[in-house]
Amino acid sequence: MFADPPYAFGRTAGIPEIVFGGGILRPGGYLLIEHAGDVSFGNAPGYRAGPVKRFGRTHVTFFTPTNGRKEGQ
């Protein structure tokens, strides 16, 4: 799944929790979020953040599910 919210969107950091916590992602799926460089993500139950790829001012963070995940319930 790919998310590309507007750079000024104030809730970009909350997208992984919505996706992984809401069972939106299919089993074995990954989440990629395109975002500005000032947005950072941490790990949480259900997913791991990283790596981050940088393309000028654009960053793309990859998220992978971890054990105990809720995706694809």
Protein backbone atom coordinates (compact mmCIF):
# COMPACT_ATOMS: atom_id res chain seq x y z
CA MET A 1 0.00 0.00 0.00
CA PHE A 2 1.30 3.46 -0.88
CA ALA A 3 0.29 6.66 0.90
CA ASP A 4 1.15 10.11 -0.42
CA PRO A 5 -0.51 12.65 1.86
CA PRO A 6 0.05 16.39 1.29
CA TYR A 7 3.30 17.58 2.86
CA ALA A 8 1.38 19.99 5.13
CA PHE A 9 -0.91 17.21 6.44
CA GLY A 10 -0.43 17.30 10.19
CA ARG A 11 -1.35 13.68 10.85
CA THR A 12 1.03 11.84 8.52
CA ALA A 13 2.82 10.21 11.47
CA GLY A 14 -0.47 8.52 12.47
CA ILE A 15 -1.04 6.72 9.16
CA PRO A 16 0.86 3.52 10.09
CA GLU A 17 -1.25 3.04 13.21
CA ILE A 18 -4.43 3.41 11.17
CA VAL A 19 -3.28 0.96 8.50
CA PHE A 20 -1.75 -1.70 10.74
CA GLY A 21 -4.16 -1.27 13.64
CA GLY A 22 -7.22 -1.29 11.41
CA GLY A 23 -6.48 -4.52 9.55
CA ILE A 24 -6.38 -2.66 6.23
CA LEU A 25 -3.21 -4.26 4.87
CA ARG A 26 -3.30 -7.73 3.35
CA PRO A 27 -1.15 -10.45 4.97
CA GLY A 28 2.43 -10.13 3.78
CA GLY A 29 1.82 -6.56 2.61
CA TYR A 30 3.99 -3.51 3.12
CA LEU A 31 3.18 0.14 3.63
CA LEU A 32 5.15 2.94 1.97
CA ILE A 33 4.56 6.56 2.91
CA GLU A 34 5.93 9.50 0.93
CA HIS A 35 6.51 12.47 3.23
CA ALA A 36 8.53 15.60 3.97
CA GLY A 37 11.87 15.22 5.73
CA ASP A 38 10.62 16.72 8.98
CA VAL A 39 8.19 13.82 9.57
CA SER A 40 9.56 10.91 11.56
CA PHE A 41 8.12 7.55 12.48
CA GLY A 42 8.88 5.07 15.20
CA ASN A 43 8.17 1.41 15.65
CA ALA A 44 4.95 0.31 17.35
CA PRO A 45 3.20 -2.97 18.10
CA GLY A 46 2.32 -4.49 14.76
CA TYR A 47 4.91 -2.79 12.55
CA ARG A 48 8.52 -1.68 12.13
CA ALA A 49 9.48 1.59 10.41
CA GLY A 50 12.43 1.69 8.00
CA PRO A 51 14.33 1.90 5.84
CA VAL A 52 13.90 5.49 4.67
CA LYS A 53 14.84 6.43 1.11
CA ARG A 54 15.58 10.08 0.35
CA PHE A 55 14.97 11.79 -2.98
CA GLY A 56 15.84 15.47 -2.50
CA ARG A 57 13.25 16.90 -0.11
CA THR A 58 11.03 13.85 -0.55
CA HIS A 59 11.36 10.89 1.79
CA VAL A 60 9.75 7.47 1.50
CA THR A 61 9.52 5.31 4.61
CA PHE A 62 8.90 1.58 4.30
CA PHE A 63 6.91 -0.22 7.00
CA THR A 64 6.89 -3.96 7.57
CA PRO A 65 4.51 -5.95 9.75
CA THR A 66 5.82 -7.67 12.87
CA ASN A 67 4.51 -10.59 14.90
CA GLY A 68 1.16 -9.89 16.47
CA ARG A 69 0.11 -7.86 13.46
CA LYS A 70 -3.53 -7.12 12.76
CA GLU A 71 -3.35 -6.69 9.00
CA GLY A 72 -5.80 -8.64 6.89
CA GLN A 73 -7.81 -9.86 9.88
